[in-house]
Amino acid sequence: MSGRDGKGGFWNRRTALLSGGAAALGIAGYATLGGDSGEPRARPQVAAGLLRRGNGAEPNTLDPALSSAQWEDAIIGDLLIGLTTDDENGDTIPGMAERWESSADGLTWTFFLREALWSDGVPVTAEDFVFGWRRLLNPKTAAQYAYFIHVFKNAEAVNNGKLPLEALGVRAVNPRTLEIQLEHPAPYLLEMLNHVTCYPQPKHVVEKLGNAWARPGSYVSNGAYVLSAWRPNDHVLLTKNPRFWDADNVAVEQTMFLPTSDYNAALRSLRAGELDVQSRLPTQQIEWIRQNMPELLSPVPQLTSELIVVNHKVKPFDDIRVRKAMNLVINREAITDKIIRVGQVPAYNLVPPGIANYPGGVFLENRGQPAEQQIAEAHRLMEAAGFSRNNPVRATYMIRSTTASSRAVAAALQQMLAQAFINITIIANDAAVFYARIQQHDFEICNPGWGADFSDASNFLDLLKTNGGNNWGEYTNPAFDAALAAAQREINIEKRGQLLAQAERILMEDHAIMPLYFWVSGNLVRPYVKGWTSNAMDKHRTRWMSIDEEARRRVLASA
């Protein structure tokens, strides 16, 4: 799912947290106490049962058919539950489906649904899944993630308008039995069905309200929480759903998601007791955090890749010599070890280590070469392409955050690319604007991130598939497409992994992208928040959490 990273000074953000957010809703207030200077200062007083989560960025939508970002998934995953769901460790467990079975050839799956209600009291049925998937694939919906379920029989033809919606290979056998037919076996199906785009949609509400259903007052959910309020650029408030089938085991009464794209401001808010959790840390403050708040930090490897993507439709980035020169002069170790310093792993390929059923071992050819040798080869390639120090490439480089750490990485890349006679102008956007622009291919060079939707190499390789929904740079190579298609048809897990590796090798030999590094988790979590477990998928559903209120009161008293 696309990357996780706005701007806003600390005091503006603090005002949003104190006044426009919790206080305005009557669920948190602030008492004034005399500080050392004699001036009054604010002491947070938070209502019991309220979890305040810094969530990185402002959501564009809470509609599962239109969502495409991790910070949206964090909210929607508290509201809706698919056939499968996440446990506290981020692993896939039964969700709306109590059990399932598959045919011997792996092409037909039958799911048996539990008894459950939408938050308005209407039963959740198999037809809500069928309806939701047809809506996702309907060309009129224009869902960028529609390709995600092309593994369903006839899904791609339906999505392209070549077949009617009813031709999709899914059916409600009865209200609590759902059948899915696949184009080819998919060993990752159960994990895939846990993705936001595969959640059910309340047919009785969406048919009446259309896209307007996903707003406060209209939103109907089947998960642990209901949507109580959404104040744009300020907060989203969720309240425990009394009709959730497992409501008795949900401890947190309310959770508030705040768009904290200014990571330094978010850290100050966390220190001041205004947040309980922050989903991303300011990397330039990593040493201070390690020394002063080590209990907040427990980074683990993530299935997330940080990338540079070029627009293959814009010259000179259609030239492999230019793309290769870019890969040669990027010093990944300098970025991870000297600028970020959290533990990220330098990346010389697209698919992160630790992906299930994948042999790996595919890398850019320059991995491990001396820097002087790489720069000399980059000069040779660029001169052959018609460029030089006196005739450089001039291009814009768009990043998805305005934070100091993002700018520091961009400035370093600016110097590195200059060694290949590529002079870039840095353009910083907030995450929502950034992803909207690259989705329209409105860039020359950009810096997205991609986090796994499920643990399978295809989830990363599909990014570069011709006409793929998230093929931002419009890369195309028939050989790559063929290798990827062959892997998807292969039943044998080992052979399938080898075919996926062949597809990745084509990408790397084509220098289709410039990998930068693989992530480690950067969540900052107060110890009084229980049930938050760092995991490779970085999934943290509020239903598994609880708050030690006495411990929180002690922290707030010292803030």
Protein backbone atom coordinates (compact mmCIF):
# COMPACT_ATOMS: atom_id res chain seq x y z
CA MET A 1 0.00 0.00 0.00
CA SER A 2 1.32 3.38 -0.90
CA GLY A 3 3.67 5.20 1.35
CA ARG A 4 3.20 6.49 4.74
CA ASP A 5 4.20 9.92 5.08
CA GLY A 6 2.49 18.07 5.40
CA LYS A 7 3.50 20.49 7.04
CA GLY A 8 2.42 22.68 9.88
CA GLY A 9 4.36 24.30 12.67
CA PHE A 10 4.24 22.86 16.14
CA TRP A 11 1.95 25.48 17.54
CA ASN A 12 -0.57 25.15 14.71
CA ARG A 13 -0.62 21.38 15.15
CA ARG A 14 -0.81 21.74 18.93
CA THR A 15 -3.82 23.98 18.57
CA ALA A 16 -5.49 21.34 16.44
CA LEU A 17 -4.76 18.68 19.02
CA LEU A 18 -5.92 20.70 21.98
CA SER A 19 -8.76 22.82 20.72
CA GLY A 20 -10.00 21.62 17.35
CA GLY A 21 -9.70 17.97 18.30
CA ALA A 22 -10.40 16.34 21.61
CA ALA A 23 -11.48 19.39 23.56
CA ALA A 24 -14.08 20.42 21.01
CA LEU A 25 -15.69 17.01 21.36
CA GLY A 26 -15.85 17.18 25.11
CA ILE A 27 -13.71 14.07 25.57
CA ALA A 28 -10.53 15.73 26.74
CA GLY A 29 -9.78 18.98 28.51
CA TYR A 30 -6.79 20.87 29.83
CA ALA A 31 -6.21 22.40 33.25
CA THR A 32 -3.80 25.31 33.59
CA LEU A 33 -1.00 25.07 36.11
CA GLY A 34 1.74 27.51 37.03
CA GLY A 35 5.07 26.71 35.38
CA ASP A 36 8.53 27.51 36.68
CA SER A 37 8.30 30.91 35.02
CA GLY A 38 5.00 31.66 36.69
CA GLU A 39 3.18 31.44 33.37
CA PRO A 40 0.28 28.97 33.22
CA ARG A 41 0.90 25.80 31.22
CA ALA A 42 -1.47 23.16 29.91
CA ARG A 43 -1.79 19.77 31.54
CA PRO A 44 -3.68 17.22 29.47
CA GLN A 45 -6.60 15.46 31.10
CA VAL A 46 -7.87 12.67 28.88
CA ALA A 47 -11.15 10.83 29.25
CA ALA A 48 -10.70 7.20 30.25
CA GLY A 49 -10.92 4.79 27.34
CA LEU A 50 -9.80 7.29 24.68
CA LEU A 51 -6.74 6.29 22.61
CA ARG A 52 -5.12 9.15 20.67
CA ARG A 53 -3.24 7.92 17.60
CA GLY A 54 -0.96 10.12 15.49
CA ASN A 55 -1.66 8.68 12.05
CA GLY A 56 0.79 10.34 9.64
CA ALA A 57 -1.49 12.00 7.12
CA GLU A 58 -5.04 13.16 6.42
CA PRO A 59 -7.20 10.45 4.83
CA ASN A 60 -8.70 11.19 1.43
CA THR A 61 -11.48 8.68 1.94
CA LEU A 62 -12.83 6.06 4.32
CA ASP A 63 -14.50 4.18 1.47
CA PRO A 64 -12.76 0.79 1.08
CA ALA A 65 -13.38 0.80 -2.67
CA LEU A 66 -11.54 4.11 -3.09
CA SER A 67 -8.84 3.82 -0.45
CA SER A 68 -5.19 3.40 -1.43
CA ALA A 69 -3.05 4.55 1.51
CA GLN A 70 -1.77 2.98 4.72
CA TRP A 71 -3.04 5.82 6.94
CA GLU A 72 -6.53 5.22 5.54
CA ASP A 73 -6.23 1.49 6.12
CA ALA A 74 -5.37 2.15 9.78
CA ILE A 75 -8.78 3.79 10.24
CA ILE A 76 -10.90 1.65 7.91
CA GLY A 77 -9.49 -1.51 9.47
CA ASP A 78 -11.05 -0.44 12.77
CA LEU A 79 -14.41 0.14 11.07
CA LEU A 80 -14.71 -2.83 8.72
CA ILE A 81 -13.64 -6.46 8.72
CA GLY A 82 -13.24 -8.76 5.74
CA LEU A 83 -13.48 -12.51 5.45
CA THR A 84 -10.14 -12.63 7.24
CA THR A 85 -8.60 -10.07 9.58
CA ASP A 86 -5.43 -9.19 11.54
CA ASP A 87 -4.62 -10.41 14.99
CA GLU A 88 -2.52 -8.43 17.47
CA ASN A 89 0.67 -9.67 15.78
CA GLY A 90 -0.46 -8.63 12.31
CA ASP A 91 -1.09 -12.25 11.30
CA THR A 92 -4.14 -13.31 9.31
CA ILE A 93 -6.96 -14.97 11.26
CA PRO A 94 -10.67 -15.68 10.58
CA GLY A 95 -12.76 -12.53 10.33
CA MET A 96 -16.28 -12.51 8.93
CA ALA A 97 -15.60 -16.07 7.75
CA GLU A 98 -15.61 -18.61 10.57
CA ARG A 99 -14.16 -21.26 8.27
CA TRP A 100 -13.47 -22.02 4.60
CA GLU A 101 -12.61 -24.80 2.21
CA SER A 102 -11.06 -24.98 -1.25
CA SER A 103 -11.23 -27.33 -4.21
CA ALA A 104 -8.34 -29.67 -4.99
CA ASP A 105 -7.17 -27.44 -7.87
CA GLY A 106 -7.23 -24.34 -5.67
CA LEU A 107 -9.60 -22.49 -8.03
CA THR A 108 -12.82 -22.54 -6.00
CA TRP A 109 -13.07 -21.34 -2.42
CA THR A 110 -16.13 -21.46 -0.20
CA PHE A 111 -16.41 -19.26 2.88
CA PHE A 112 -18.89 -19.78 5.71
CA LEU A 113 -19.82 -16.51 7.41
CA ARG A 114 -20.48 -15.96 11.09
CA GLU A 115 -23.70 -14.32 12.28
CA ALA A 116 -22.99 -10.61 12.42
CA LEU A 117 -24.75 -7.26 12.13
CA TRP A 118 -23.95 -3.97 10.51
CA SER A 119 -23.87 -1.14 13.02
CA ASP A 120 -27.43 -0.18 12.01
CA GLY A 121 -28.70 -3.65 12.96
CA VAL A 122 -29.02 -5.09 9.44
CA PRO A 123 -27.43 -8.57 9.04
CA VAL A 124 -24.13 -8.80 7.18
CA THR A 125 -24.56 -11.25 4.31
CA ALA A 126 -22.52 -12.83 1.53
CA GLU A 127 -24.26 -10.46 -0.87
CA ASP A 128 -22.51 -7.50 0.81
CA PHE A 129 -19.18 -8.99 -0.30
CA VAL A 130 -20.40 -9.67 -3.84
CA PHE A 131 -21.78 -6.14 -4.07
CA GLY A 132 -18.57 -4.59 -2.73
CA TRP A 133 -16.32 -6.45 -5.16
CA ARG A 134 -18.51 -5.62 -8.15
CA ARG A 135 -18.47 -1.97 -7.11
CA LEU A 136 -14.67 -2.07 -6.80
CA LEU A 137 -14.34 -3.45 -10.34
CA ASN A 138 -17.03 -1.29 -11.93
CA PRO A 139 -15.23 1.00 -14.42
CA LYS A 140 -17.48 3.85 -13.23
CA THR A 141 -16.00 3.59 -9.73
CA ALA A 142 -12.50 4.24 -11.14
CA ALA A 143 -10.89 2.49 -8.17
CA GLN A 144 -7.12 2.56 -8.48
CA TYR A 145 -6.90 -0.67 -6.49
CA ALA A 146 -9.37 -2.58 -8.68
CA TYR A 147 -6.51 -4.63 -10.11
CA PHE A 148 -5.97 -6.09 -6.64
CA ILE A 149 -8.72 -8.69 -7.15
CA HIS A 150 -7.98 -9.49 -10.79
CA VAL A 151 -7.17 -12.96 -9.49
CA PHE A 152 -10.97 -13.49 -9.24
CA LYS A 153 -12.37 -15.18 -12.32
CA ASN A 154 -13.28 -12.68 -15.07
CA ALA A 155 -12.32 -9.76 -12.80
CA GLU A 156 -9.96 -8.07 -15.28
CA ALA A 157 -12.50 -8.31 -18.12
CA VAL A 158 -15.21 -6.92 -15.84
CA ASN A 159 -12.90 -4.10 -14.74
CA ASN A 160 -12.13 -3.25 -18.38
CA GLY A 161 -15.83 -3.17 -19.27
CA LYS A 162 -15.57 -6.24 -21.53
CA LEU A 163 -17.90 -8.32 -19.37
CA PRO A 164 -20.88 -7.33 -17.20
CA LEU A 165 -20.50 -7.08 -13.43
CA GLU A 166 -22.52 -10.25 -13.02
CA ALA A 167 -19.81 -12.23 -14.83
CA LEU A 168 -17.43 -11.84 -11.89
CA GLY A 169 -16.63 -15.26 -10.43
CA VAL A 170 -18.20 -14.69 -7.02
CA ARG A 171 -21.65 -15.61 -5.76
CA ALA A 172 -23.71 -15.67 -2.62
CA VAL A 173 -24.77 -19.30 -2.29
CA ASN A 174 -26.99 -18.24 0.58
CA PRO A 175 -26.86 -15.34 3.07
CA ARG A 176 -24.00 -16.93 5.01
CA THR A 177 -22.14 -18.86 2.31
CA LEU A 178 -19.88 -17.16 -0.24
CA GLU A 179 -18.14 -18.77 -3.21
CA ILE A 180 -15.11 -17.33 -5.02
CA GLN A 181 -13.72 -18.70 -8.27
CA LEU A 182 -10.16 -17.79 -9.24
CA GLU A 183 -8.34 -17.35 -12.53
CA HIS A 184 -5.37 -19.25 -11.11
CA PRO A 185 -4.37 -20.65 -7.73
CA ALA A 186 -3.39 -17.96 -5.24
CA PRO A 187 -1.46 -19.21 -2.20
CA TYR A 188 -1.81 -15.75 -0.70
CA LEU A 189 -5.61 -15.57 -1.02
CA LEU A 190 -6.42 -15.62 2.69
CA GLU A 191 -3.98 -12.77 3.36
CA MET A 192 -5.24 -10.90 0.31
CA LEU A 193 -8.84 -11.07 1.52
CA ASN A 194 -7.72 -9.19 4.63
CA HIS A 195 -6.95 -6.13 2.48
CA VAL A 196 -9.10 -3.00 2.75
CA THR A 197 -10.41 -3.34 -0.82
CA CYS A 198 -11.81 -6.79 0.00
CA TYR A 199 -13.95 -5.63 2.91
CA PRO A 200 -17.73 -5.95 2.59
CA GLN A 201 -19.76 -2.87 1.78
CA PRO A 202 -23.29 -2.35 3.18
CA LYS A 203 -25.33 -2.82 0.01
CA HIS A 204 -28.50 -1.41 1.56
CA VAL A 205 -26.72 1.88 2.37
CA VAL A 206 -24.39 2.30 -0.62
CA GLU A 207 -27.17 1.68 -3.15
CA LYS A 208 -29.13 4.48 -1.49
CA LEU A 209 -26.37 7.05 -0.90
CA GLY A 210 -23.62 6.22 -3.40
CA ASN A 211 -20.16 7.50 -2.47
CA ALA A 212 -21.73 9.72 0.21
CA TRP A 213 -22.23 6.64 2.39
CA ALA A 214 -18.68 6.87 3.77
CA ARG A 215 -19.29 9.98 5.88
CA PRO A 216 -20.21 10.55 9.54
CA GLY A 217 -23.91 10.01 10.04
CA SER A 218 -24.10 7.64 7.07
CA TYR A 219 -21.20 5.26 7.62
CA VAL A 220 -22.30 1.75 8.51
CA SER A 221 -19.64 -0.63 9.80
CA ASN A 222 -19.28 -4.28 10.73
CA GLY A 223 -16.04 -3.90 12.70
CA ALA A 224 -15.13 -3.02 16.26
CA TYR A 225 -15.82 0.71 15.87
CA VAL A 226 -18.26 3.15 14.27
CA LEU A 227 -17.44 6.53 12.73
CA SER A 228 -18.49 9.27 15.16
CA ALA A 229 -16.79 12.34 13.69
CA TRP A 230 -14.42 13.44 10.95
CA ARG A 231 -13.09 16.97 11.06
CA PRO A 232 -10.84 17.31 7.98
CA ASN A 233 -7.19 18.01 8.74
CA ASP A 234 -7.93 17.70 12.44
CA HIS A 235 -9.15 14.28 13.56
CA VAL A 236 -11.25 11.20 12.90
CA LEU A 237 -13.08 9.88 15.97
CA LEU A 238 -14.26 6.28 16.26
CA THR A 239 -16.46 4.89 19.03
CA LYS A 240 -16.86 1.27 20.10
CA ASN A 241 -19.50 -0.58 18.08
CA PRO A 242 -21.97 -2.27 20.48
CA ARG A 243 -23.19 -4.53 17.65
CA PHE A 244 -19.71 -5.90 16.84
CA TRP A 245 -19.74 -9.67 17.34
CA ASP A 246 -16.72 -9.54 19.67
CA ALA A 247 -17.61 -6.26 21.43
CA ASP A 248 -17.22 -7.83 24.88
CA ASN A 249 -13.48 -8.16 24.24
CA VAL A 250 -12.92 -4.62 22.94
CA ALA A 251 -11.35 -2.54 25.72
CA VAL A 252 -10.72 0.87 24.13
CA GLU A 253 -13.97 2.85 24.08
CA GLN A 254 -12.89 5.55 21.62
CA THR A 255 -9.95 6.06 19.33
CA MET A 256 -8.97 9.34 17.73
CA PHE A 257 -6.78 9.41 14.62
CA LEU A 258 -4.92 12.69 14.10
CA PRO A 259 -3.06 13.64 10.88
CA THR A 260 0.48 14.13 12.16
CA SER A 261 2.54 14.58 9.02
CA ASP A 262 4.93 16.94 10.84
CA TYR A 263 6.85 14.26 12.72
CA ASN A 264 8.87 16.67 14.87
CA ALA A 265 5.66 18.35 16.03
CA ALA A 266 4.15 14.94 16.69
CA LEU A 267 7.10 13.96 18.87
CA ARG A 268 6.64 17.14 20.90
CA SER A 269 2.94 16.37 21.22
CA LEU A 270 3.76 12.86 22.42
CA ARG A 271 6.20 14.26 24.99
CA ALA A 272 3.57 16.78 26.13
CA GLY A 273 1.03 14.00 26.71
CA GLU A 274 -1.19 15.01 23.79
CA LEU A 275 -0.72 11.70 21.92
CA ASP A 276 -0.52 8.12 23.08
CA VAL A 277 0.87 6.74 19.81
CA GLN A 278 2.65 8.28 16.82
CA SER A 279 2.91 6.19 13.67
CA ARG A 280 6.16 7.71 12.38
CA LEU A 281 9.21 9.14 14.09
CA PRO A 282 11.36 12.12 13.06
CA THR A 283 14.56 10.34 12.03
CA GLN A 284 16.73 13.36 12.79
CA GLN A 285 15.71 12.96 16.43
CA ILE A 286 16.56 9.26 16.62
CA GLU A 287 19.57 9.65 18.93
CA TRP A 288 17.59 11.90 21.30
CA ILE A 289 14.76 9.34 21.36
CA ARG A 290 17.16 6.48 22.07
CA GLN A 291 18.74 8.37 24.95
CA ASN A 292 15.66 9.97 26.49
CA MET A 293 12.64 7.84 25.54
CA PRO A 294 14.02 4.36 24.72
CA GLU A 295 10.87 2.72 26.05
CA LEU A 296 8.95 4.15 23.07
CA LEU A 297 11.14 2.61 20.39
CA SER A 298 11.13 -1.03 19.25
CA PRO A 299 11.88 -1.05 15.51
CA VAL A 300 11.44 -4.31 13.59
CA PRO A 301 11.95 -5.00 9.86
CA GLN A 302 8.98 -4.07 7.68
CA LEU A 303 7.79 -5.44 4.36
CA THR A 304 8.08 -1.92 2.96
CA SER A 305 10.26 -0.57 0.14
CA GLU A 306 11.40 3.04 -0.32
CA LEU A 307 11.84 3.86 -3.99
CA ILE A 308 12.75 6.44 -6.57
CA VAL A 309 10.46 6.20 -9.58
CA VAL A 310 11.04 7.90 -12.92
CA ASN A 311 8.39 8.72 -15.50
CA HIS A 312 9.21 6.41 -18.39
CA LYS A 313 7.09 8.55 -20.72
CA VAL A 314 9.28 11.62 -20.11
CA LYS A 315 12.68 12.00 -21.77
CA PRO A 316 15.41 11.18 -20.98
CA PHE A 317 14.09 8.64 -18.46
CA ASP A 318 12.94 6.37 -21.27
CA ASP A 319 16.67 5.75 -21.84
CA ILE A 320 18.06 2.80 -19.86
CA ARG A 321 21.49 4.46 -19.82
CA VAL A 322 20.14 7.36 -17.82
CA ARG A 323 18.24 5.11 -15.42
CA LYS A 324 21.29 2.91 -14.88
CA ALA A 325 23.48 5.95 -14.23
CA MET A 326 21.01 7.05 -11.54
CA ASN A 327 21.26 3.67 -9.81
CA LEU A 328 25.04 3.77 -10.00
CA VAL A 329 25.50 7.09 -8.20
CA ILE A 330 22.95 6.62 -5.40
CA ASN A 331 24.84 5.83 -2.20
CA ARG A 332 22.23 3.89 -0.27
CA GLU A 333 24.47 3.19 2.70
CA ALA A 334 25.10 6.91 3.20
CA ILE A 335 21.34 7.50 3.34
CA THR A 336 20.57 4.71 5.81
CA ASP A 337 23.66 4.98 8.01
CA LYS A 338 24.37 8.71 8.08
CA ILE A 339 21.00 10.42 7.52
CA ILE A 340 18.18 8.16 8.72
CA ARG A 341 20.04 6.00 11.26
CA VAL A 342 17.07 3.98 12.48
CA GLY A 343 18.14 0.63 11.05
CA GLN A 344 16.81 0.66 7.49
CA VAL A 345 18.47 -1.79 5.12
CA PRO A 346 20.02 -0.44 1.88
CA ALA A 347 17.98 -1.79 -1.06
CA TYR A 348 19.36 -3.03 -4.36
CA ASN A 349 16.11 -4.64 -5.45
CA LEU A 350 12.35 -4.12 -5.11
CA VAL A 351 11.05 -7.06 -3.04
CA PRO A 352 11.92 -6.83 0.68
CA PRO A 353 13.70 -9.67 2.48
CA GLY A 354 11.40 -11.90 4.48
CA ILE A 355 8.64 -12.18 1.84
CA ALA A 356 6.94 -15.58 1.98
CA ASN A 357 7.71 -18.28 -0.61
CA TYR A 358 10.30 -16.21 -2.45
CA PRO A 359 13.94 -17.21 -3.06
CA GLY A 360 15.23 -13.63 -3.40
CA GLY A 361 18.81 -13.18 -4.48
CA VAL A 362 18.00 -10.61 -7.19
CA PHE A 363 20.05 -7.43 -7.00
CA LEU A 364 21.28 -4.51 -9.09
CA GLU A 365 24.56 -5.41 -10.76
CA ASN A 366 26.45 -2.60 -9.04
CA ARG A 367 25.83 -3.93 -5.53
CA GLY A 368 29.13 -3.92 -3.68
CA GLN A 369 31.18 -2.13 -6.35
CA PRO A 370 33.60 0.66 -5.33
CA ALA A 371 31.99 4.13 -5.52
CA GLU A 372 34.71 5.48 -7.84
CA GLN A 373 34.03 2.70 -10.33
CA GLN A 374 30.29 3.33 -10.24
CA ILE A 375 30.65 7.07 -10.80
CA ALA A 376 33.06 6.52 -13.73
CA GLU A 377 30.57 4.12 -15.33
CA ALA A 378 27.73 6.61 -14.78
CA HIS A 379 29.77 9.30 -16.57
CA ARG A 380 30.35 6.97 -19.50
CA LEU A 381 26.67 6.11 -19.79
CA MET A 382 25.46 9.70 -19.55
CA GLU A 383 27.99 10.93 -22.10
CA ALA A 384 26.86 8.17 -24.46
CA ALA A 385 23.29 9.40 -23.92
CA GLY A 386 24.34 12.95 -24.89
CA PHE A 387 24.75 14.56 -21.46
CA SER A 388 27.71 16.06 -19.63
CA ARG A 389 28.61 18.43 -16.83
CA ASN A 390 28.07 21.32 -19.27
CA ASN A 391 24.89 19.78 -20.66
CA PRO A 392 23.09 18.20 -17.70
CA VAL A 393 19.63 16.71 -17.38
CA ARG A 394 17.35 19.13 -15.55
CA ALA A 395 14.35 17.60 -13.82
CA THR A 396 12.01 18.00 -10.87
CA TYR A 397 12.14 15.57 -7.96
CA MET A 398 8.92 15.30 -5.97
CA ILE A 399 8.91 14.07 -2.38
CA ARG A 400 5.91 13.17 -0.24
CA SER A 401 6.75 15.06 2.94
CA THR A 402 7.95 18.47 4.03
CA THR A 403 9.71 17.17 7.15
CA ALA A 404 13.35 18.02 7.84
CA SER A 405 14.42 14.39 7.51
CA SER A 406 12.72 14.02 4.11
CA ARG A 407 14.41 17.18 2.90
CA ALA A 408 17.76 15.95 4.19
CA VAL A 409 17.47 12.72 2.21
CA ALA A 410 16.34 14.66 -0.86
CA ALA A 411 19.29 17.06 -0.55
CA ALA A 412 21.69 14.13 -0.35
CA LEU A 413 20.12 12.57 -3.44
CA GLN A 414 20.40 15.93 -5.19
CA GLN A 415 24.17 15.84 -4.67
CA MET A 416 24.44 12.18 -5.67
CA LEU A 417 22.49 12.58 -8.90
CA ALA A 418 24.56 15.64 -9.79
CA GLN A 419 27.48 13.22 -10.09
CA ALA A 420 25.60 11.70 -13.03
CA PHE A 421 24.97 15.11 -14.63
CA ILE A 422 21.36 15.13 -13.40
CA ASN A 423 20.38 18.41 -11.71
CA ILE A 424 17.14 18.07 -9.78
CA THR A 425 14.83 20.68 -8.28
CA ILE A 426 13.15 19.36 -5.12
CA ILE A 427 9.37 19.80 -4.83
CA ALA A 428 7.85 18.87 -1.47
CA ASN A 429 4.15 18.01 -1.13
CA ASP A 430 2.13 16.48 1.64
CA ALA A 431 1.38 12.82 1.18
CA ALA A 432 -2.17 13.18 -0.11
CA VAL A 433 -1.19 15.66 -2.84
CA PHE A 434 1.91 13.64 -3.68
CA TYR A 435 0.08 10.38 -4.31
CA ALA A 436 -2.74 12.09 -6.21
CA ARG A 437 -0.16 13.62 -8.57
CA ILE A 438 1.89 10.50 -9.18
CA GLN A 439 -1.30 8.51 -9.71
CA GLN A 440 -1.92 10.87 -12.65
CA HIS A 441 1.72 10.40 -13.78
CA ASP A 442 2.27 14.12 -13.12
CA PHE A 443 5.99 14.00 -12.29
CA GLU A 444 9.47 13.48 -13.69
CA ILE A 445 11.17 11.83 -10.71
CA CYS A 446 9.41 10.99 -7.44
CA ASN A 447 9.97 9.21 -4.16
CA PRO A 448 7.08 6.90 -3.13
CA GLY A 449 7.07 4.07 -0.63
CA TRP A 450 5.23 0.77 -0.88
CA GLY A 451 4.16 -1.39 2.03
CA ALA A 452 3.02 -4.97 1.52
CA ASP A 453 -0.71 -5.62 1.29
CA PHE A 454 0.12 -9.27 1.88
CA SER A 455 3.35 -11.26 2.12
CA ASP A 456 3.92 -12.21 -1.49
CA ALA A 457 6.45 -10.93 -4.04
CA SER A 458 3.70 -10.36 -6.60
CA ASN A 459 2.31 -7.57 -4.43
CA PHE A 460 5.47 -5.57 -5.14
CA LEU A 461 6.10 -6.72 -8.70
CA ASP A 462 2.54 -5.87 -9.75
CA LEU A 463 3.49 -2.21 -9.27
CA LEU A 464 5.38 -2.33 -12.56
CA LYS A 465 2.90 -4.36 -14.59
CA THR A 466 1.81 -2.68 -17.83
CA ASN A 467 -1.29 -0.57 -17.20
CA GLY A 468 -1.27 -1.57 -13.53
CA GLY A 469 -3.31 0.57 -11.16
CA ASN A 470 -0.20 1.75 -9.28
CA ASN A 471 2.30 1.76 -12.14
CA TRP A 472 3.10 5.41 -11.48
CA GLY A 473 5.99 5.68 -13.94
CA GLU A 474 4.14 3.83 -16.74
CA TYR A 475 6.94 1.31 -17.15
CA THR A 476 6.24 -1.42 -19.66
CA ASN A 477 8.16 -4.53 -20.72
CA PRO A 478 6.40 -7.51 -22.35
CA ALA A 479 9.04 -9.92 -21.03
CA PHE A 480 8.39 -8.78 -17.46
CA ASP A 481 4.62 -9.03 -17.93
CA ALA A 482 5.00 -12.54 -19.36
CA ALA A 483 7.18 -13.73 -16.47
CA LEU A 484 4.74 -12.31 -13.94
CA ALA A 485 1.79 -13.93 -15.69
CA ALA A 486 3.58 -17.29 -15.83
CA ALA A 487 4.27 -17.10 -12.10
CA GLN A 488 0.62 -16.44 -11.37
CA ARG A 489 -0.43 -19.52 -13.34
CA GLU A 490 2.08 -21.79 -11.62
CA ILE A 491 0.66 -24.14 -8.98
CA ASN A 492 3.97 -25.31 -7.53
CA ILE A 493 5.04 -22.85 -4.82
CA GLU A 494 8.78 -23.29 -5.40
CA LYS A 495 8.54 -22.90 -9.18
CA ARG A 496 6.25 -19.93 -8.73
CA GLY A 497 8.84 -18.24 -6.54
CA GLN A 498 11.52 -18.82 -9.17
CA LEU A 499 9.33 -17.26 -11.86
CA LEU A 500 8.66 -14.23 -9.67
CA ALA A 501 12.41 -13.88 -9.14
CA GLN A 502 12.86 -14.03 -12.92
CA ALA A 503 10.37 -11.18 -13.25
CA GLU A 504 12.23 -9.10 -10.64
CA ARG A 505 15.52 -9.80 -12.42
CA ILE A 506 14.08 -8.28 -15.60
CA LEU A 507 13.11 -5.16 -13.64
CA MET A 508 16.57 -4.78 -12.15
CA GLU A 509 18.35 -5.37 -15.46
CA ASP A 510 16.05 -2.77 -16.99
CA HIS A 511 16.72 -0.34 -14.13
CA ALA A 512 12.97 0.25 -14.10
CA ILE A 513 13.19 1.85 -10.63
CA MET A 514 15.84 3.03 -8.19
CA PRO A 515 15.41 1.15 -4.88
CA LEU A 516 16.62 3.08 -1.83
CA TYR A 517 16.06 1.07 1.34
CA PHE A 518 13.78 -1.31 3.20
CA TRP A 519 11.97 0.06 6.23
CA VAL A 520 12.01 -0.78 9.87
CA SER A 521 9.03 0.23 11.99
CA GLY A 522 9.03 3.77 13.31
CA ASN A 523 6.11 3.78 15.70
CA LEU A 524 6.39 5.63 19.00
CA VAL A 525 4.11 4.02 21.58
CA ARG A 526 3.66 4.96 25.22
CA PRO A 527 4.19 1.91 27.49
CA TYR A 528 0.74 2.34 29.04
CA VAL A 529 -0.77 1.34 25.67
CA LYS A 530 -1.06 -2.43 25.93
CA GLY A 531 -1.54 -4.82 23.02
CA TRP A 532 0.52 -2.89 20.47
CA THR A 533 2.91 -5.41 18.92
CA SER A 534 5.54 -4.42 16.38
CA ASN A 535 5.18 -6.61 13.28
CA ALA A 536 6.41 -6.84 9.69
CA MET A 537 3.07 -5.77 8.22
CA ASP A 538 2.80 -2.77 10.60
CA LYS A 539 -0.86 -3.54 11.29
CA HIS A 540 -2.22 -2.40 14.65
CA ARG A 541 -5.98 -2.72 15.12
CA THR A 542 -7.37 -0.87 18.14
CA ARG A 543 -9.63 -3.79 19.09
CA TRP A 544 -6.60 -5.65 20.47
CA MET A 545 -5.40 -2.76 22.63
CA SER A 546 -6.10 -1.49 26.11
CA ILE A 547 -4.91 1.45 28.22
CA ASP A 548 -3.39 1.30 31.69
CA GLU A 549 -5.19 4.43 32.88
CA GLU A 550 -3.28 4.76 36.14
CA ALA A 551 0.04 4.64 34.27
CA ARG A 552 -1.27 7.21 31.80
CA ARG A 553 -2.30 9.55 34.60
CA ARG A 554 1.24 9.41 35.97
CA VAL A 555 2.70 10.23 32.56
CA LEU A 556 0.29 13.12 32.02
CA ALA A 557 1.00 14.50 35.47
CA SER A 558 4.68 14.76 34.58
CA ALA A 559 4.10 16.17 31.07
